[in-house]
Amino acid sequence: MKLTYPIVLIPFRDGSGGYTVEIPDLPGCVTEGRDLAEALFMAQDAASGWVLTELKDGKPIPTTSNLTEIKPDNPDAMVRIVTLDMDAYATKYGRE
Protein backbone atom coordinates (compact mmCIF):
# COMPACT_ATOMS: atom_id res chain seq x y z
CA MET A 1 0.00 0.00 0.00
CA LYS A 2 1.33 3.42 -0.95
CA LEU A 3 0.18 6.60 0.76
CA THR A 4 1.01 10.24 0.16
CA TYR A 5 0.92 13.07 2.68
CA PRO A 6 1.83 16.74 2.51
CA ILE A 7 4.72 17.81 4.72
CA VAL A 8 5.91 21.20 5.91
CA LEU A 9 9.68 21.82 5.87
CA ILE A 10 10.73 24.64 8.19
CA PRO A 11 14.36 25.82 7.90
CA PHE A 12 16.41 25.90 11.09
CA ARG A 13 16.77 29.47 12.35
CA ASP A 14 20.53 29.07 12.76
CA GLY A 15 21.10 28.96 9.00
CA SER A 16 22.79 25.54 9.17
CA GLY A 17 20.74 24.15 6.29
CA GLY A 18 18.67 21.83 8.45
CA TYR A 19 14.90 21.51 8.58
CA THR A 20 12.17 20.65 11.03
CA VAL A 21 9.45 18.63 9.30
CA GLU A 22 5.81 18.57 10.33
CA ILE A 23 3.24 16.18 8.86
CA PRO A 24 -0.06 18.02 9.45
CA ASP A 25 -2.32 15.03 8.72
CA LEU A 26 -0.51 12.90 11.32
CA PRO A 27 -0.96 14.63 14.72
CA GLY A 28 2.29 14.92 16.65
CA CYS A 29 4.41 13.52 13.81
CA VAL A 30 7.47 15.79 13.67
CA THR A 31 11.08 15.08 12.72
CA GLU A 32 14.24 16.88 11.60
CA GLY A 33 17.10 16.58 9.14
CA ARG A 34 20.51 18.24 8.81
CA ASP A 35 19.77 19.07 5.17
CA LEU A 36 16.87 18.80 2.73
CA ALA A 37 17.65 15.23 1.65
CA GLU A 38 17.89 13.97 5.22
CA ALA A 39 14.74 15.88 6.22
CA LEU A 40 12.78 14.24 3.39
CA PHE A 41 14.08 10.79 4.33
CA MET A 42 13.29 11.35 8.01
CA ALA A 43 9.78 12.58 7.11
CA GLN A 44 9.12 9.41 5.16
CA ASP A 45 10.43 7.26 8.01
CA ALA A 46 8.54 9.12 10.76
CA ALA A 47 5.27 9.16 8.83
CA SER A 48 5.57 5.46 7.97
CA GLY A 49 6.17 4.58 11.61
CA TRP A 50 3.23 6.73 12.69
CA VAL A 51 0.87 5.08 10.19
CA LEU A 52 2.11 1.56 10.98
CA THR A 53 1.47 2.14 14.69
CA GLU A 54 -2.07 3.31 13.94
CA LEU A 55 -2.71 0.24 11.79
CA LYS A 56 -1.38 -2.09 14.50
CA ASP A 57 -3.71 -0.38 16.98
CA GLY A 58 -6.66 -0.98 14.65
CA LYS A 59 -7.16 2.70 13.93
CA PRO A 60 -8.07 4.12 10.51
CA ILE A 61 -5.46 5.74 8.30
CA PRO A 62 -5.88 9.54 8.21
CA THR A 63 -7.05 10.99 4.93
CA THR A 64 -4.66 13.18 2.99
CA SER A 65 -5.19 16.92 2.95
CA ASN A 66 -5.16 18.74 -0.34
CA LEU A 67 -1.75 20.35 -0.83
CA THR A 68 -3.39 23.75 -1.34
CA GLU A 69 -5.04 23.50 2.10
CA ILE A 70 -1.67 23.51 3.90
CA LYS A 71 -0.78 27.05 4.93
CA PRO A 72 2.43 27.19 7.01
CA ASP A 73 2.76 29.95 9.60
CA ASN A 74 6.44 30.40 8.75
CA PRO A 75 6.93 32.34 5.48
CA ASP A 76 10.20 30.46 4.84
CA ALA A 77 8.54 27.03 5.08
CA MET A 78 8.08 24.78 2.05
CA VAL A 79 5.17 22.40 1.48
CA ARG A 80 6.00 19.16 -0.31
CA ILE A 81 4.56 15.65 -0.69
CA VAL A 82 6.04 12.50 0.80
CA THR A 83 5.14 9.02 -0.48
CA LEU A 84 5.04 6.12 1.96
CA ASP A 85 5.52 2.51 0.87
CA MET A 86 3.80 0.84 3.80
CA ASP A 87 4.38 -2.72 2.56
CA ALA A 88 8.15 -2.18 2.34
CA TYR A 89 8.22 -0.40 5.72
CA ALA A 90 6.21 -3.17 7.42
CA THR A 91 8.49 -5.82 5.92
CA LYS A 92 11.61 -4.00 7.10
CA TYR A 93 10.39 -3.23 10.61
CA GLY A 94 8.18 -6.26 11.15
CA ARG A 95 4.55 -6.99 11.63
CA GLU A 96 2.96 -8.27 14.79
PDB file of N, CA and C in Angstrom:
ATOM      1  N   MET A   1       0.840  -1.164   0.000  1.00  0.00           N
ATOM      2  CA  MET A   1       0.000   0.000   0.000  1.00  0.00           C
ATOM      3  C   MET A   1       0.892   1.237   0.000  1.00  0.00           C
ATOM      4  N   LYS A   2       0.585   2.151  -0.892  1.00  0.00           N
ATOM      5  CA  LYS A   2       1.326   3.423  -0.951  1.00  0.00           C
ATOM      6  C   LYS A   2       0.386   4.547  -0.532  1.00  0.00           C
ATOM      7  N   LEU A   3       0.925   5.449   0.270  1.00  0.00           N
ATOM      8  CA  LEU A   3       0.178   6.601   0.757  1.00  0.00           C
ATOM      9  C   LEU A   3       0.984   7.857   0.478  1.00  0.00           C
ATOM     10  N   THR A   4       0.317   8.965   0.302  1.00  0.00           N
ATOM     11  CA  THR A   4       1.014  10.245   0.161  1.00  0.00           C
ATOM     12  C   THR A   4       0.436  11.237   1.157  1.00  0.00           C
ATOM     13  N   TYR A   5       1.319  12.036   1.728  1.00  0.00           N
ATOM     14  CA  TYR A   5       0.919  13.071   2.677  1.00  0.00           C
ATOM     15  C   TYR A   5       1.713  14.343   2.409  1.00  0.00           C
ATOM     16  N   PRO A   6       1.073  15.494   2.586  1.00  0.00           N
ATOM     17  CA  PRO A   6       1.830  16.743   2.515  1.00  0.00           C
ATOM     18  C   PRO A   6       2.683  16.901   3.769  1.00  0.00           C
ATOM     19  N   ILE A   7       3.834  17.514   3.592  1.00  0.00           N
ATOM     20  CA  ILE A   7       4.723  17.807   4.715  1.00  0.00           C
ATOM     21  C   ILE A   7       5.093  19.285   4.661  1.00  0.00           C
ATOM     22  N   VAL A   8       5.456  19.815   5.818  1.00  0.00           N
ATOM     23  CA  VAL A   8       5.908  21.201   5.907  1.00  0.00           C
ATOM     24  C   VAL A   8       7.360  21.181   6.369  1.00  0.00           C
ATOM     25  N   LEU A   9       8.248  21.739   5.561  1.00  0.00           N
ATOM     26  CA  LEU A   9       9.677  21.817   5.869  1.00  0.00           C
ATOM     27  C   LEU A   9       9.988  23.231   6.341  1.00  0.00           C
ATOM     28  N   ILE A  10      10.447  23.342   7.584  1.00  0.00           N
ATOM     29  CA  ILE A  10      10.734  24.642   8.185  1.00  0.00           C
ATOM     30  C   ILE A  10      12.241  24.749   8.401  1.00  0.00           C
ATOM     31  N   PRO A  11      12.908  25.702   7.746  1.00  0.00           N
ATOM     32  CA  PRO A  11      14.362  25.818   7.899  1.00  0.00           C
ATOM     33  C   PRO A  11      14.753  26.155   9.339  1.00  0.00           C
ATOM     34  N   PHE A  12      15.859  25.555   9.779  1.00  0.00           N
ATOM     35  CA  PHE A  12      16.405  25.902  11.094  1.00  0.00           C
ATOM     36  C   PHE A  12      16.731  27.392  11.108  1.00  0.00           C
ATOM     37  N   ARG A  13      16.498  28.027  12.224  1.00  0.00           N
ATOM     38  CA  ARG A  13      16.767  29.468  12.350  1.00  0.00           C
ATOM     39  C   ARG A  13      18.255  29.794  12.350  1.00  0.00           C
ATOM     40  N   ASP A  14      19.091  28.793  12.656  1.00  0.00           N
ATOM     41  CA  ASP A  14      20.531  29.068  12.762  1.00  0.00           C
ATOM     42  C   ASP A  14      21.239  29.120  11.409  1.00  0.00           C
ATOM     43  N   GLY A  15      20.497  28.884  10.324  1.00  0.00           N
ATOM     44  CA  GLY A  15      21.096  28.962   8.996  1.00  0.00           C
ATOM     45  C   GLY A  15      21.988  27.786   8.638  1.00  0.00           C
ATOM     46  N   SER A  16      21.926  26.702   9.397  1.00  0.00           N
ATOM     47  CA  SER A  16      22.792  25.543   9.174  1.00  0.00           C
ATOM     48  C   SER A  16      22.380  24.692   7.977  1.00  0.00           C
ATOM     49  N   GLY A  17      21.210  24.945   7.420  1.00  0.00           N
ATOM     50  CA  GLY A  17      20.742  24.151   6.285  1.00  0.00           C
ATOM     51  C   GLY A  17      19.802  23.036   6.677  1.00  0.00           C
ATOM     52  N   GLY A  18      19.560  22.875   7.972  1.00  0.00           N
ATOM     53  CA  GLY A  18      18.665  21.827   8.445  1.00  0.00           C
ATOM     54  C   GLY A  18      17.209  22.254   8.421  1.00  0.00           C
ATOM     55  N   TYR A  19      16.340  21.261   8.610  1.00  0.00           N
ATOM     56  CA  TYR A  19      14.899  21.506   8.576  1.00  0.00           C
ATOM     57  C   TYR A  19      14.188  20.729   9.676  1.00  0.00           C
ATOM     58  N   THR A  20      13.164  21.349  10.230  1.00  0.00           N
ATOM     59  CA  THR A  20      12.172  20.646  11.028  1.00  0.00           C
ATOM     60  C   THR A  20      11.051  20.289  10.066  1.00  0.00           C
ATOM     61  N   VAL A  21      10.512  19.082  10.198  1.00  0.00           N
ATOM     62  CA  VAL A  21       9.455  18.631   9.300  1.00  0.00           C
ATOM     63  C   VAL A  21       8.210  18.294  10.118  1.00  0.00           C
ATOM     64  N   GLU A  22       7.100  18.875   9.721  1.00  0.00           N
ATOM     65  CA  GLU A  22       5.810  18.570  10.327  1.00  0.00           C
ATOM     66  C   GLU A  22       4.948  17.864   9.287  1.00  0.00           C
ATOM     67  N   ILE A  23       4.183  16.868   9.735  1.00  0.00           N
ATOM     68  CA  ILE A  23       3.241  16.176   8.860  1.00  0.00           C
ATOM     69  C   ILE A  23       1.848  16.490   9.404  1.00  0.00           C
ATOM     70  N   PRO A  24       1.191  17.522   8.865  1.00  0.00           N
ATOM     71  CA  PRO A  24      -0.056  18.017   9.446  1.00  0.00           C
ATOM     72  C   PRO A  24      -1.173  16.982   9.579  1.00  0.00           C
ATOM     73  N   ASP A  25      -1.251  16.033   8.668  1.00  0.00           N
ATOM     74  CA  ASP A  25      -2.321  15.034   8.722  1.00  0.00           C
ATOM     75  C   ASP A  25      -2.080  13.956   9.773  1.00  0.00           C
ATOM     76  N   LEU A  26      -0.875  13.910  10.331  1.00  0.00           N
ATOM     77  CA  LEU A  26      -0.514  12.899  11.325  1.00  0.00           C
ATOM     78  C   LEU A  26      -0.180  13.619  12.629  1.00  0.00           C
ATOM     79  N   PRO A  27      -1.159  13.835  13.499  1.00  0.00           N
ATOM     80  CA  PRO A  27      -0.960  14.633  14.715  1.00  0.00           C
ATOM     81  C   PRO A  27       0.253  14.199  15.538  1.00  0.00           C
ATOM     82  N   GLY A  28       1.106  15.170  15.835  1.00  0.00           N
ATOM     83  CA  GLY A  28       2.287  14.917  16.652  1.00  0.00           C
ATOM     84  C   GLY A  28       3.468  14.339  15.901  1.00  0.00           C
ATOM     85  N   CYS A  29       3.324  14.110  14.606  1.00  0.00           N
ATOM     86  CA  CYS A  29       4.406  13.525  13.814  1.00  0.00           C
ATOM     87  C   CYS A  29       5.323  14.646  13.320  1.00  0.00           C
ATOM     88  N   VAL A  30       6.489  14.749  13.965  1.00  0.00           N
ATOM     89  CA  VAL A  30       7.471  15.794  13.674  1.00  0.00           C
ATOM     90  C   VAL A  30       8.847  15.148  13.665  1.00  0.00           C
ATOM     91  N   THR A  31       9.712  15.594  12.769  1.00  0.00           N
ATOM     92  CA  THR A  31      11.076  15.083  12.718  1.00  0.00           C
ATOM     93  C   THR A  31      11.988  16.201  12.229  1.00  0.00           C
ATOM     94  N   GLU A  32      13.262  15.897  12.066  1.00  0.00           N
ATOM     95  CA  GLU A  32      14.242  16.880  11.598  1.00  0.00           C
ATOM     96  C   GLU A  32      15.273  16.209  10.711  1.00  0.00           C
ATOM     97  N   GLY A  33      15.982  17.041   9.942  1.00  0.00           N
ATOM     98  CA  GLY A  33      17.100  16.576   9.141  1.00  0.00           C
ATOM     99  C   GLY A  33      18.140  17.668   9.024  1.00  0.00           C
ATOM    100  N   ARG A  34      19.406  17.268   8.898  1.00  0.00           N
ATOM    101  CA  ARG A  34      20.506  18.242   8.809  1.00  0.00           C
ATOM    102  C   ARG A  34      20.547  18.981   7.485  1.00  0.00           C
ATOM    103  N   ASP A  35      19.880  18.417   6.472  1.00  0.00           N
ATOM    104  CA  ASP A  35      19.771  19.066   5.166  1.00  0.00           C
ATOM    105  C   ASP A  35      18.457  18.613   4.537  1.00  0.00           C
ATOM    106  N   LEU A  36      18.151  19.105   3.356  1.00  0.00           N
ATOM    107  CA  LEU A  36      16.872  18.795   2.732  1.00  0.00           C
ATOM    108  C   LEU A  36      16.706  17.298   2.470  1.00  0.00           C
ATOM    109  N   ALA A  37      17.742  16.656   1.951  1.00  0.00           N
ATOM    110  CA  ALA A  37      17.654  15.227   1.647  1.00  0.00           C
ATOM    111  C   ALA A  37      17.377  14.413   2.908  1.00  0.00           C
ATOM    112  N   GLU A  38      18.108  14.704   3.982  1.00  0.00           N
ATOM    113  CA  GLU A  38      17.890  13.966   5.225  1.00  0.00           C
ATOM    114  C   GLU A  38      16.508  14.273   5.800  1.00  0.00           C
ATOM    115  N   ALA A  39      16.065  15.512   5.707  1.00  0.00           N
ATOM    116  CA  ALA A  39      14.742  15.879   6.220  1.00  0.00           C
ATOM    117  C   ALA A  39      13.638  15.121   5.480  1.00  0.00           C
ATOM    118  N   LEU A  40      13.767  14.989   4.169  1.00  0.00           N
ATOM    119  CA  LEU A  40      12.778  14.244   3.392  1.00  0.00           C
ATOM    120  C   LEU A  40      12.788  12.768   3.762  1.00  0.00           C
ATOM    121  N   PHE A  41      13.974  12.191   3.920  1.00  0.00           N
ATOM    122  CA  PHE A  41      14.084  10.793   4.330  1.00  0.00           C
ATOM    123  C   PHE A  41      13.467  10.586   5.708  1.00  0.00           C
ATOM    124  N   MET A  42      13.798  11.471   6.640  1.00  0.00           N
ATOM    125  CA  MET A  42      13.289  11.355   8.006  1.00  0.00           C
ATOM    126  C   MET A  42      11.769  11.536   8.041  1.00  0.00           C
ATOM    127  N   ALA A  43      11.235  12.397   7.184  1.00  0.00           N
ATOM    128  CA  ALA A  43       9.783  12.583   7.114  1.00  0.00           C
ATOM    129  C   ALA A  43       9.103  11.300   6.660  1.00  0.00           C
ATOM    130  N   GLN A  44       9.674  10.667   5.656  1.00  0.00           N
ATOM    131  CA  GLN A  44       9.124   9.407   5.157  1.00  0.00           C
ATOM    132  C   GLN A  44       9.164   8.339   6.244  1.00  0.00           C
ATOM    133  N   ASP A  45      10.274   8.255   6.954  1.00  0.00           N
ATOM    134  CA  ASP A  45      10.431   7.261   8.011  1.00  0.00           C
ATOM    135  C   ASP A  45       9.476   7.532   9.175  1.00  0.00           C
ATOM    136  N   ALA A  46       9.411   8.775   9.631  1.00  0.00           N
ATOM    137  CA  ALA A  46       8.544   9.120  10.764  1.00  0.00           C
ATOM    138  C   ALA A  46       7.072   8.898  10.418  1.00  0.00           C
ATOM    139  N   ALA A  47       6.668   9.324   9.233  1.00  0.00           N
ATOM    140  CA  ALA A  47       5.271   9.159   8.826  1.00  0.00           C
ATOM    141  C   ALA A  47       4.915   7.683   8.675  1.00  0.00           C
ATOM    142  N   SER A  48       5.823   6.898   8.116  1.00  0.00           N
ATOM    143  CA  SER A  48       5.570   5.461   7.966  1.00  0.00           C
ATOM    144  C   SER A  48       5.413   4.791   9.324  1.00  0.00           C
ATOM    145  N   GLY A  49       6.279   5.137  10.257  1.00  0.00           N
ATOM    146  CA  GLY A  49       6.174   4.585  11.609  1.00  0.00           C
ATOM    147  C   GLY A  49       4.881   4.988  12.285  1.00  0.00           C
ATOM    148  N   TRP A  50       4.474   6.229  12.102  1.00  0.00           N
ATOM    149  CA  TRP A  50       3.230   6.729  12.687  1.00  0.00           C
ATOM    150  C   TRP A  50       2.041   5.939  12.148  1.00  0.00           C
ATOM    151  N   VAL A  51       1.981   5.791  10.820  1.00  0.00           N
ATOM    152  CA  VAL A  51       0.865   5.078  10.188  1.00  0.00           C
ATOM    153  C   VAL A  51       0.873   3.609  10.596  1.00  0.00           C
ATOM    154  N   LEU A  52       2.032   2.964  10.608  1.00  0.00           N
ATOM    155  CA  LEU A  52       2.109   1.555  10.982  1.00  0.00           C
ATOM    156  C   LEU A  52       1.605   1.342  12.405  1.00  0.00           C
ATOM    157  N   THR A  53       1.947   2.236  13.313  1.00  0.00           N
ATOM    158  CA  THR A  53       1.467   2.139  14.692  1.00  0.00           C
ATOM    159  C   THR A  53      -0.056   2.246  14.737  1.00  0.00           C
ATOM    160  N   GLU A  54      -0.611   3.169  13.983  1.00  0.00           N
ATOM    161  CA  GLU A  54      -2.074   3.310  13.941  1.00  0.00           C
ATOM    162  C   GLU A  54      -2.725   2.034  13.414  1.00  0.00           C
ATOM    163  N   LEU A  55      -2.159   1.464  12.359  1.00  0.00           N
ATOM    164  CA  LEU A  55      -2.714   0.235  11.793  1.00  0.00           C
ATOM    165  C   LEU A  55      -2.647  -0.906  12.798  1.00  0.00           C
ATOM    166  N   LYS A  56      -1.519  -1.034  13.492  1.00  0.00           N
ATOM    167  CA  LYS A  56      -1.377  -2.089  14.503  1.00  0.00           C
ATOM    168  C   LYS A  56      -2.382  -1.921  15.632  1.00  0.00           C
ATOM    169  N   ASP A  57      -2.739  -0.672  15.925  1.00  0.00           N
ATOM    170  CA  ASP A  57      -3.713  -0.383  16.983  1.00  0.00           C
ATOM    171  C   ASP A  57      -5.155  -0.469  16.485  1.00  0.00           C
ATOM    172  N   GLY A  58      -5.331  -0.837  15.213  1.00  0.00           N
ATOM    173  CA  GLY A  58      -6.665  -0.984  14.648  1.00  0.00           C
ATOM    174  C   GLY A  58      -7.357   0.321  14.321  1.00  0.00           C
ATOM    175  N   LYS A  59      -6.587   1.378  14.227  1.00  0.00           N
ATOM    176  CA  LYS A  59      -7.161   2.696  13.934  1.00  0.00           C
ATOM    177  C   LYS A  59      -7.139   2.956  12.430  1.00  0.00           C
ATOM    178  N   PRO A  60      -8.045   3.815  11.944  1.00  0.00           N
ATOM    179  CA  PRO A  60      -8.066   4.119  10.509  1.00  0.00           C
ATOM    180  C   PRO A  60      -6.890   5.008  10.106  1.00  0.00           C
ATOM    181  N   ILE A  61      -6.529   4.905   8.847  1.00  0.00           N
ATOM    182  CA  ILE A  61      -5.458   5.742   8.300  1.00  0.00           C
ATOM    183  C   ILE A  61      -6.035   7.131   8.020  1.00  0.00           C
ATOM    184  N   PRO A  62      -5.372   8.188   8.476  1.00  0.00           N
ATOM    185  CA  PRO A  62      -5.878   9.540   8.208  1.00  0.00           C
ATOM    186  C   PRO A  62      -5.931   9.843   6.709  1.00  0.00           C
ATOM    187  N   THR A  63      -6.954  10.577   6.325  1.00  0.00           N
ATOM    188  CA  THR A  63      -7.050  10.992   4.929  1.00  0.00           C
ATOM    189  C   THR A  63      -6.016  12.082   4.654  1.00  0.00           C
ATOM    190  N   THR A  64      -5.665  12.214   3.411  1.00  0.00           N
ATOM    191  CA  THR A  64      -4.659  13.182   2.991  1.00  0.00           C
ATOM    192  C   THR A  64      -5.299  14.528   2.690  1.00  0.00           C
ATOM    193  N   SER A  65      -4.729  15.569   3.262  1.00  0.00           N
ATOM    194  CA  SER A  65      -5.191  16.924   2.955  1.00  0.00           C
ATOM    195  C   SER A  65      -4.770  17.303   1.546  1.00  0.00           C
ATOM    196  N   ASN A  66      -5.529  18.178   0.946  1.00  0.00           N
ATOM    197  CA  ASN A  66      -5.158  18.742  -0.337  1.00  0.00           C
ATOM    198  C   ASN A  66      -3.953  19.651  -0.108  1.00  0.00           C
ATOM    199  N   LEU A  67      -2.980  19.560  -0.965  1.00  0.00           N
ATOM    200  CA  LEU A  67      -1.755  20.349  -0.828  1.00  0.00           C
ATOM    201  C   LEU A  67      -2.050  21.844  -0.694  1.00  0.00           C
ATOM    202  N   THR A  68      -3.059  22.318  -1.385  1.00  0.00           N
ATOM    203  CA  THR A  68      -3.385  23.746  -1.339  1.00  0.00           C
ATOM    204  C   THR A  68      -4.012  24.169  -0.012  1.00  0.00           C
ATOM    205  N   GLU A  69      -4.451  23.196   0.798  1.00  0.00           N
ATOM    206  CA  GLU A  69      -5.040  23.499   2.104  1.00  0.00           C
ATOM    207  C   GLU A  69      -3.983  23.750   3.178  1.00  0.00           C
ATOM    208  N   ILE A  70      -2.744  23.378   2.910  1.00  0.00           N
ATOM    209  CA  ILE A  70      -1.675  23.506   3.899  1.00  0.00           C
ATOM    210  C   ILE A  70      -1.102  24.915   3.808  1.00  0.00           C
ATOM    211  N   LYS A  71      -1.252  25.663   4.870  1.00  0.00           N
ATOM    212  CA  LYS A  71      -0.782  27.054   4.928  1.00  0.00           C
ATOM    213  C   LYS A  71       0.162  27.214   6.120  1.00  0.00           C
ATOM    214  N   PRO A  72       1.474  27.061   5.897  1.00  0.00           N
ATOM    215  CA  PRO A  72       2.428  27.186   7.008  1.00  0.00           C
ATOM    216  C   PRO A  72       2.432  28.592   7.608  1.00  0.00           C
ATOM    217  N   ASP A  73       2.644  28.663   8.914  1.00  0.00           N
ATOM    218  CA  ASP A  73       2.760  29.953   9.599  1.00  0.00           C
ATOM    219  C   ASP A  73       4.070  30.651   9.243  1.00  0.00           C
ATOM    220  N   ASN A  74       5.112  29.863   9.038  1.00  0.00           N
ATOM    221  CA  ASN A  74       6.438  30.398   8.751  1.00  0.00           C
ATOM    222  C   ASN A  74       6.547  30.727   7.255  1.00  0.00           C
ATOM    223  N   PRO A  75       6.838  31.979   6.898  1.00  0.00           N
ATOM    224  CA  PRO A  75       6.928  32.345   5.476  1.00  0.00           C
ATOM    225  C   PRO A  75       8.086  31.666   4.737  1.00  0.00           C
ATOM    226  N   ASP A  76       9.072  31.149   5.470  1.00  0.00           N
ATOM    227  CA  ASP A  76      10.202  30.461   4.841  1.00  0.00           C
ATOM    228  C   ASP A  76       9.953  28.962   4.656  1.00  0.00           C
ATOM    229  N   ALA A  77       8.840  28.468   5.156  1.00  0.00           N
ATOM    230  CA  ALA A  77       8.541  27.034   5.081  1.00  0.00           C
ATOM    231  C   ALA A  77       8.173  26.627   3.658  1.00  0.00           C
ATOM    232  N   MET A  78       8.436  25.360   3.350  1.00  0.00           N
ATOM    233  CA  MET A  78       8.077  24.780   2.054  1.00  0.00           C
ATOM    234  C   MET A  78       7.083  23.653   2.300  1.00  0.00           C
ATOM    235  N   VAL A  79       6.121  23.514   1.417  1.00  0.00           N
ATOM    236  CA  VAL A  79       5.174  22.404   1.482  1.00  0.00           C
ATOM    237  C   VAL A  79       5.506  21.453   0.342  1.00  0.00           C
ATOM    238  N   ARG A  80       5.672  20.195   0.678  1.00  0.00           N
ATOM    239  CA  ARG A  80       5.997  19.161  -0.305  1.00  0.00           C
ATOM    240  C   ARG A  80       5.130  17.935  -0.027  1.00  0.00           C
ATOM    241  N   ILE A  81       5.284  16.917  -0.856  1.00  0.00           N
ATOM    242  CA  ILE A  81       4.562  15.652  -0.694  1.00  0.00           C
ATOM    243  C   ILE A  81       5.573  14.555  -0.388  1.00  0.00           C
ATOM    244  N   VAL A  82       5.217  13.664   0.521  1.00  0.00           N
ATOM    245  CA  VAL A  82       6.043  12.497   0.796  1.00  0.00           C
ATOM    246  C   VAL A  82       5.195  11.258   0.489  1.00  0.00           C
ATOM    247  N   THR A  83       5.814  10.273  -0.164  1.00  0.00           N
ATOM    248  CA  THR A  83       5.137   9.016  -0.483  1.00  0.00           C
ATOM    249  C   THR A  83       5.647   7.933   0.452  1.00  0.00           C
ATOM    250  N   LEU A  84       4.708   7.195   1.030  1.00  0.00           N
ATOM    251  CA  LEU A  84       5.045   6.122   1.964  1.00  0.00           C
ATOM    252  C   LEU A  84       4.757   4.781   1.313  1.00  0.00           C
ATOM    253  N   ASP A  85       5.723   3.884   1.338  1.00  0.00           N
ATOM    254  CA  ASP A  85       5.523   2.512   0.872  1.00  0.00           C
ATOM    255  C   ASP A  85       5.334   1.658   2.120  1.00  0.00           C
ATOM    256  N   MET A  86       4.091   1.505   2.532  1.00  0.00           N
ATOM    257  CA  MET A  86       3.804   0.836   3.799  1.00  0.00           C
ATOM    258  C   MET A  86       4.150  -0.645   3.777  1.00  0.00           C
ATOM    259  N   ASP A  87       4.026  -1.301   2.634  1.00  0.00           N
ATOM    260  CA  ASP A  87       4.385  -2.718   2.556  1.00  0.00           C
ATOM    261  C   ASP A  87       5.880  -2.905   2.800  1.00  0.00           C
ATOM    262  N   ALA A  88       6.700  -2.083   2.156  1.00  0.00           N
ATOM    263  CA  ALA A  88       8.151  -2.177   2.342  1.00  0.00           C
ATOM    264  C   ALA A  88       8.534  -1.833   3.776  1.00  0.00           C
ATOM    265  N   TYR A  89       7.905  -0.808   4.349  1.00  0.00           N
ATOM    266  CA  TYR A  89       8.216  -0.401   5.722  1.00  0.00           C
ATOM    267  C   TYR A  89       7.837  -1.509   6.706  1.00  0.00           C
ATOM    268  N   ALA A  90       6.650  -2.100   6.527  1.00  0.00           N
ATOM    269  CA  ALA A  90       6.206  -3.174   7.422  1.00  0.00           C
ATOM    270  C   ALA A  90       7.111  -4.397   7.308  1.00  0.00           C
ATOM    271  N   THR A  91       7.576  -4.697   6.102  1.00  0.00           N
ATOM    272  CA  THR A  91       8.494  -5.823   5.921  1.00  0.00           C
ATOM    273  C   THR A  91       9.817  -5.558   6.626  1.00  0.00           C
ATOM    274  N   LYS A  92      10.326  -4.346   6.495  1.00  0.00           N
ATOM    275  CA  LYS A  92      11.611  -3.997   7.100  1.00  0.00           C
ATOM    276  C   LYS A  92      11.548  -3.971   8.623  1.00  0.00           C
ATOM    277  N   TYR A  93      10.466  -3.421   9.164  1.00  0.00           N
ATOM    278  CA  TYR A  93      10.386  -3.228  10.609  1.00  0.00           C
ATOM    279  C   TYR A  93       9.474  -4.221  11.311  1.00  0.00           C
ATOM    280  N   GLY A  94       8.934  -5.166  10.554  1.00  0.00           N
ATOM    281  CA  GLY A  94       8.175  -6.260  11.149  1.00  0.00           C
ATOM    282  C   GLY A  94       6.716  -5.966  11.386  1.00  0.00           C
ATOM    283  N   ARG A  95       5.983  -7.033  11.338  1.00  0.00           N
ATOM    284  CA  ARG A  95       4.550  -6.985  11.629  1.00  0.00           C
ATOM    285  C   ARG A  95       4.310  -7.843  12.848  1.00  0.00           C
ATOM    286  N   GLU A  96       3.308  -7.458  13.608  1.00  0.00           N
ATOM    287  CA  GLU A  96       2.956  -8.266  14.786  1.00  0.00           C
ATOM    288  C   GLU A  96       1.897  -9.266  14.417  1.00  0.00           C
TER     289      GLU A  96
END
